[in-house]
Amino acid sequence: MRKILIPFVCGLFVSEAIMAEDFRVQLSVLGSASESDVLESDAGLLTAEIFFSPVDSSKGPLAEAAFLSQSSSFAIGLGRGEGDEEFEPDEFSNLTGDAALDADVRFAGLTYVIPSSKVILGLSRTVNENEKGLKTMALTGGSLIVATEVISTELTVGLFLSDSRSVQVSYGNVETTVFLGEPFSLTLEDAESSFFGLAYKRVDSIAGGHISWSANVSIFDEEDANEVLLAATYYPRINLGVGIEVSRFDADDSPVLENYGLELEYFVIPRVAVSVEVSHEDLGDSDEDENAVALGLTARF
């Protein structure tokens, strides 16, 4: 045990000059497990980000290197999730039993910072495909597949107000398709909506370290919905960060959704970081509150 603890403690106090190293590629793996009264699920996410030029990691916390360097990049991501849900009949349905859940997500995004003007341009596209296999259904006496496909496209324009402050506005379009599988093969919903977003971020030096602040507000044109997300991370050392995140989603005729998260990220060496995050999701008046734990690994090249 002593041989393990000594390198770990020494790593917390390693000099900033030693920790700073440039990189061009960042790979991240995230695994999570969540549980509520009616749902248990596991998920994994793999992301890769390629930067147009070397990222200077000597300007502050290692986790904020890309932001402080005002870097341009292209990113892709792939995710997969599985779960089991229990449900009971209600006033809308006579379904009962449990369901097998499968989810896949694909993401691609481009961020370009114009060097001369510090203007930020971004374009991203995300595809979420979910299938819920209802194992017991009173209507058919058998199984039924309910599938949902959500395609989101977002355009972002922003500006670096200084070396460590930025503001961005965004516009997005969301296409949602819900359909029944066998034995019906029927489209239930084919809808399209849009949203506007505003985001602000800054990283400040304070006595003994740095602190990162961010705020995001999104307004959706459907159901008068809005979402607010606030986050802050304190870095006592450039290789260690402790963060909190609070979000609230509100829409007409829907319960208020609130999420609280706490994250710890530690760079064990300049190019490798590990992280752990715990979160709690409050589903308003529902008893189906959800708790989740996520573990992450990041490598830079």
Protein backbone atom coordinates (compact mmCIF):
# COMPACT_ATOMS: atom_id res chain seq x y z
CA MET A 1 0.00 0.00 0.00
CA ARG A 2 2.85 2.40 0.87
CA LYS A 3 4.35 1.93 -2.61
CA ILE A 4 1.03 2.94 -4.18
CA LEU A 5 0.29 5.95 -2.00
CA ILE A 6 3.68 7.66 -2.28
CA PRO A 7 3.61 8.16 -6.10
CA PHE A 8 -0.05 9.25 -5.93
CA VAL A 9 0.61 11.92 -3.29
CA CYS A 10 3.73 13.13 -5.06
CA GLY A 11 1.74 13.44 -8.29
CA LEU A 12 -0.67 15.90 -6.65
CA PHE A 13 2.19 18.32 -5.99
CA VAL A 14 4.26 17.87 -9.16
CA SER A 15 5.49 21.16 -10.64
CA GLU A 16 3.43 22.85 -13.33
CA ALA A 17 6.44 23.06 -15.65
CA ILE A 18 6.79 19.29 -15.65
CA MET A 19 3.06 18.69 -16.20
CA ALA A 20 2.71 20.90 -19.28
CA GLU A 21 2.88 18.99 -22.59
CA ASP A 22 1.37 19.80 -26.00
CA PHE A 23 -0.97 17.35 -27.73
CA ARG A 24 -2.89 16.96 -31.01
CA VAL A 25 -5.35 14.10 -30.28
CA GLN A 26 -7.55 13.35 -27.28
CA LEU A 27 -9.34 10.02 -26.75
CA SER A 28 -11.88 9.50 -23.96
CA VAL A 29 -13.78 6.47 -22.67
CA LEU A 30 -16.70 6.83 -20.26
CA GLY A 31 -18.67 4.05 -18.58
CA SER A 32 -21.74 4.66 -16.43
CA ALA A 33 -24.33 2.78 -14.40
CA SER A 34 -27.66 4.25 -13.23
CA GLU A 35 -30.54 2.99 -11.11
CA SER A 36 -34.00 4.15 -10.11
CA ASP A 37 -37.09 2.45 -8.66
CA VAL A 38 -38.13 1.26 -12.14
CA LEU A 39 -34.98 1.39 -14.30
CA GLU A 40 -31.47 -0.06 -14.26
CA SER A 41 -29.09 0.74 -17.10
CA ASP A 42 -25.43 0.64 -18.17
CA ALA A 43 -23.84 2.76 -20.88
CA GLY A 44 -20.51 3.37 -22.57
CA LEU A 45 -19.22 6.27 -24.66
CA LEU A 46 -16.07 6.59 -26.78
CA THR A 47 -15.03 10.00 -28.15
CA ALA A 48 -12.08 11.17 -30.24
CA GLU A 49 -11.05 14.78 -30.82
CA ILE A 50 -8.42 15.86 -33.36
CA PHE A 51 -7.00 19.38 -33.10
CA PHE A 52 -5.89 21.40 -36.10
CA SER A 53 -2.70 22.53 -34.34
CA PRO A 54 -0.84 21.48 -31.17
CA VAL A 55 -2.69 22.41 -27.98
CA ASP A 56 -0.57 24.34 -25.46
CA SER A 57 -1.28 22.89 -22.02
CA SER A 58 0.95 25.34 -20.09
CA LYS A 59 -1.63 28.14 -19.74
CA GLY A 60 -3.58 26.76 -16.79
CA PRO A 61 -5.42 23.60 -15.68
CA LEU A 62 -4.71 20.62 -17.94
CA ALA A 63 -8.43 19.91 -18.31
CA GLU A 64 -8.97 23.44 -19.73
CA ALA A 65 -6.03 23.35 -22.17
CA ALA A 66 -8.11 23.30 -25.37
CA PHE A 67 -10.31 26.18 -24.18
CA LEU A 68 -7.41 28.37 -22.99
CA SER A 69 -5.51 27.68 -26.23
CA GLN A 70 -8.63 28.64 -28.24
CA SER A 71 -8.16 25.49 -30.31
CA SER A 72 -10.00 24.35 -33.43
CA SER A 73 -10.93 20.68 -33.65
CA PHE A 74 -13.03 17.90 -35.15
CA ALA A 75 -14.70 15.42 -32.79
CA ILE A 76 -16.62 12.16 -33.20
CA GLY A 77 -18.32 9.94 -30.64
CA LEU A 78 -20.03 6.55 -30.38
CA GLY A 79 -22.15 5.34 -27.47
CA ARG A 80 -24.14 2.29 -26.46
CA GLY A 81 -26.54 1.69 -23.58
CA GLU A 82 -28.68 -1.17 -22.27
CA GLY A 83 -31.21 -1.39 -19.48
CA ASP A 84 -34.28 -3.03 -17.96
CA GLU A 85 -37.43 -1.16 -16.98
CA GLU A 86 -40.43 -2.25 -14.93
CA PHE A 87 -43.78 -0.63 -15.54
CA GLU A 88 -47.35 -0.84 -14.28
CA PRO A 89 -50.71 -0.11 -15.94
CA ASP A 90 -51.92 3.50 -15.71
CA GLU A 91 -54.73 5.66 -17.08
CA PHE A 92 -53.07 5.82 -20.49
CA SER A 93 -52.15 2.19 -21.05
CA ASN A 94 -52.89 -1.34 -19.92
CA LEU A 95 -49.29 -2.42 -20.45
CA THR A 96 -47.68 -4.30 -17.60
CA GLY A 97 -44.48 -6.24 -17.00
CA ASP A 98 -40.98 -5.12 -17.95
CA ALA A 99 -39.04 -3.84 -20.94
CA ALA A 100 -35.57 -4.30 -22.42
CA LEU A 101 -34.01 -0.98 -23.46
CA ASP A 102 -31.31 -0.51 -26.10
CA ALA A 103 -29.80 2.83 -27.11
CA ASP A 104 -27.16 3.91 -29.63
CA VAL A 105 -25.74 7.40 -30.15
CA ARG A 106 -23.47 8.82 -32.86
CA PHE A 107 -21.96 12.29 -32.77
CA ALA A 108 -19.80 14.45 -35.03
CA GLY A 109 -18.83 18.06 -34.46
CA LEU A 110 -16.54 20.73 -35.93
CA THR A 111 -15.28 23.76 -34.01
CA TYR A 112 -13.21 26.42 -35.78
CA VAL A 113 -11.72 29.51 -34.16
CA ILE A 114 -10.71 32.25 -36.60
CA PRO A 115 -7.24 33.28 -35.36
CA SER A 116 -7.40 36.94 -36.38
CA SER A 117 -10.83 37.77 -34.92
CA LYS A 118 -11.25 35.04 -32.23
CA VAL A 119 -14.69 34.26 -33.71
CA ILE A 120 -15.94 30.74 -32.91
CA LEU A 121 -17.83 28.74 -35.54
CA GLY A 122 -19.34 25.35 -34.76
CA LEU A 123 -21.46 22.70 -36.44
CA SER A 124 -22.54 19.39 -34.88
CA ARG A 125 -24.93 16.52 -35.58
CA THR A 126 -26.13 13.87 -33.11
CA VAL A 127 -28.20 10.76 -33.84
CA ASN A 128 -29.92 8.91 -30.99
CA GLU A 129 -31.62 5.57 -31.70
CA ASN A 130 -33.57 3.90 -28.90
CA GLU A 131 -35.53 0.67 -28.83
CA LYS A 132 -37.83 -0.45 -26.03
CA GLY A 133 -38.85 -4.09 -26.23
CA LEU A 134 -42.04 -4.54 -24.20
CA LYS A 135 -41.92 -8.14 -23.08
CA THR A 136 -45.52 -8.33 -21.85
CA MET A 137 -48.44 -6.54 -23.45
CA ALA A 138 -52.09 -7.10 -22.68
CA LEU A 139 -53.18 -6.00 -26.16
CA THR A 140 -51.24 -8.64 -28.06
CA GLY A 141 -50.32 -11.12 -25.35
CA GLY A 142 -46.74 -11.02 -26.64
CA SER A 143 -43.88 -8.61 -27.21
CA LEU A 144 -43.75 -5.24 -28.97
CA ILE A 145 -40.89 -3.01 -30.14
CA VAL A 146 -41.22 0.77 -29.73
CA ALA A 147 -38.36 2.59 -31.50
CA THR A 148 -37.38 6.26 -31.35
CA GLU A 149 -34.91 8.10 -33.57
CA VAL A 150 -33.85 11.64 -32.67
CA ILE A 151 -31.57 13.61 -35.04
CA SER A 152 -30.24 16.92 -33.75
CA THR A 153 -28.27 19.46 -35.80
CA GLU A 154 -26.76 22.53 -34.15
CA LEU A 155 -25.03 25.63 -35.55
CA THR A 156 -22.96 27.79 -33.19
CA VAL A 157 -21.42 31.26 -33.48
CA GLY A 158 -19.37 32.79 -30.70
CA LEU A 159 -16.49 35.00 -29.68
CA PHE A 160 -13.53 34.85 -27.30
CA LEU A 161 -13.93 38.03 -25.25
CA SER A 162 -10.45 37.54 -23.79
CA ASP A 163 -7.85 34.79 -23.41
CA SER A 164 -10.08 33.04 -20.84
CA ARG A 165 -13.67 34.18 -21.54
CA SER A 166 -16.09 33.21 -24.31
CA VAL A 167 -19.73 33.64 -25.26
CA GLN A 168 -21.67 31.59 -27.83
CA VAL A 169 -25.15 31.57 -29.36
CA SER A 170 -26.60 28.55 -31.12
CA TYR A 171 -29.55 27.42 -33.18
CA GLY A 172 -30.59 23.79 -33.47
CA ASN A 173 -33.09 21.61 -35.26
CA VAL A 174 -34.46 18.34 -33.83
CA GLU A 175 -36.23 15.65 -35.89
CA THR A 176 -38.05 12.96 -33.90
CA THR A 177 -39.56 9.75 -35.28
CA VAL A 178 -41.39 7.21 -33.11
CA PHE A 179 -42.67 3.95 -34.61
CA LEU A 180 -43.90 0.50 -33.65
CA GLY A 181 -42.05 -2.58 -34.74
CA GLU A 182 -43.58 -5.97 -35.45
CA PRO A 183 -46.37 -6.94 -35.55
CA PHE A 184 -47.59 -3.38 -36.38
CA SER A 185 -44.77 -1.54 -38.26
CA LEU A 186 -46.58 1.75 -37.73
CA THR A 187 -45.23 5.32 -37.40
CA LEU A 188 -46.61 6.95 -34.26
CA GLU A 189 -44.92 10.34 -34.46
CA ASP A 190 -42.93 12.29 -37.00
CA ALA A 191 -42.17 15.72 -35.55
CA GLU A 192 -39.68 18.55 -36.00
CA SER A 193 -38.75 21.31 -33.55
CA SER A 194 -36.02 23.89 -32.98
CA PHE A 195 -34.16 25.51 -30.12
CA PHE A 196 -31.97 28.52 -29.33
CA GLY A 197 -29.05 28.49 -26.93
CA LEU A 198 -26.77 30.94 -25.12
CA ALA A 199 -23.53 29.87 -23.40
CA TYR A 200 -20.89 31.72 -21.38
CA LYS A 201 -17.63 30.39 -19.95
CA ARG A 202 -14.61 31.80 -18.14
CA VAL A 203 -11.52 30.50 -16.35
CA ASP A 204 -10.05 32.67 -13.57
CA SER A 205 -6.89 32.49 -11.51
CA ILE A 206 -7.51 32.61 -7.78
CA ALA A 207 -5.31 32.25 -4.72
CA GLY A 208 -3.89 28.76 -4.78
CA GLY A 209 -5.34 27.64 -8.13
CA HIS A 210 -7.94 28.27 -10.84
CA ILE A 211 -11.71 28.13 -11.15
CA SER A 212 -13.85 27.55 -14.24
CA TRP A 213 -17.41 28.90 -14.51
CA SER A 214 -19.99 28.17 -17.20
CA ALA A 215 -23.68 28.83 -17.81
CA ASN A 216 -25.93 27.50 -20.59
CA VAL A 217 -29.54 28.43 -21.36
CA SER A 218 -31.64 26.67 -24.04
CA ILE A 219 -35.15 27.62 -25.17
CA PHE A 220 -37.24 25.15 -27.20
CA ASP A 221 -40.13 26.22 -29.43
CA GLU A 222 -42.15 23.11 -28.54
CA GLU A 223 -44.15 22.96 -25.28
CA ASP A 224 -42.55 26.26 -24.14
CA ALA A 225 -39.64 24.24 -22.75
CA ASN A 226 -36.41 25.68 -21.37
CA GLU A 227 -33.25 24.30 -19.79
CA VAL A 228 -30.66 26.00 -17.57
CA LEU A 229 -27.27 24.45 -16.74
CA LEU A 230 -24.70 25.90 -14.32
CA ALA A 231 -21.27 24.40 -13.68
CA ALA A 232 -18.15 25.29 -11.72
CA THR A 233 -14.81 23.48 -11.28
CA TYR A 234 -12.07 24.32 -8.81
CA TYR A 235 -8.47 23.39 -9.67
CA PRO A 236 -6.19 23.45 -6.59
CA ARG A 237 -3.46 22.05 -8.89
CA ILE A 238 -3.26 22.10 -12.68
CA ASN A 239 -3.71 18.30 -12.75
CA LEU A 240 -6.62 18.07 -10.29
CA GLY A 241 -10.18 19.39 -10.61
CA VAL A 242 -13.31 19.12 -8.46
CA GLY A 243 -16.53 20.22 -10.13
CA ILE A 244 -20.24 20.60 -9.50
CA GLU A 245 -23.07 20.84 -12.02
CA VAL A 246 -26.74 21.75 -11.62
CA SER A 247 -29.37 21.67 -14.39
CA ARG A 248 -33.12 22.25 -14.57
CA PHE A 249 -35.48 21.37 -17.44
CA ASP A 250 -39.02 22.76 -17.44
CA ALA A 251 -41.80 22.23 -20.00
CA ASP A 252 -45.58 22.64 -20.12
CA ASP A 253 -47.57 19.63 -18.90
CA SER A 254 -44.36 17.87 -17.80
CA PRO A 255 -42.70 17.47 -14.41
CA VAL A 256 -39.68 19.66 -13.70
CA LEU A 257 -36.47 17.69 -14.23
CA GLU A 258 -33.49 18.60 -12.04
CA ASN A 259 -30.01 17.07 -12.07
CA TYR A 260 -27.15 17.48 -9.59
CA GLY A 261 -23.63 16.21 -10.26
CA LEU A 262 -20.23 16.09 -8.58
CA GLU A 263 -17.04 15.20 -10.52
CA LEU A 264 -13.39 14.60 -9.68
CA GLU A 265 -10.75 14.52 -12.46
CA TYR A 266 -7.06 13.77 -11.90
CA PHE A 267 -4.21 13.69 -14.43
CA VAL A 268 -2.00 10.87 -13.18
CA ILE A 269 0.58 11.90 -15.80
CA PRO A 270 0.44 14.89 -18.21
CA ARG A 271 -1.28 12.89 -20.95
CA VAL A 272 -3.56 10.55 -18.98
CA ALA A 273 -6.49 11.46 -16.74
CA VAL A 274 -9.03 9.47 -14.75
CA SER A 275 -12.37 10.79 -13.54
CA VAL A 276 -15.35 9.78 -11.42
CA GLU A 277 -18.77 11.44 -11.39
CA VAL A 278 -21.84 10.86 -9.24
CA SER A 279 -25.21 12.40 -10.08
CA HIS A 280 -28.79 12.50 -8.87
CA GLU A 281 -31.77 13.19 -11.14
CA ASP A 282 -34.98 14.47 -9.56
CA LEU A 283 -38.07 13.77 -11.70
CA GLY A 284 -40.36 16.29 -10.04
CA ASP A 285 -43.50 14.75 -8.52
CA SER A 286 -42.49 11.28 -9.68
CA ASP A 287 -41.00 8.64 -7.38
CA GLU A 288 -38.61 7.56 -10.13
CA ASP A 289 -35.55 9.60 -9.05
CA GLU A 290 -32.35 8.25 -10.57
CA ASN A 291 -28.80 7.90 -9.22
CA ALA A 292 -25.79 7.33 -11.47
CA VAL A 293 -22.03 6.74 -11.26
CA ALA A 294 -19.64 7.27 -14.18
CA LEU A 295 -15.93 6.42 -14.57
CA GLY A 296 -13.78 7.97 -17.28
CA LEU A 297 -10.34 7.63 -18.83
CA THR A 298 -8.71 10.23 -21.08
CA ALA A 299 -5.50 9.90 -23.11
CA ARG A 300 -3.72 12.58 -25.12
CA PHE A 301 -1.20 12.15 -27.94
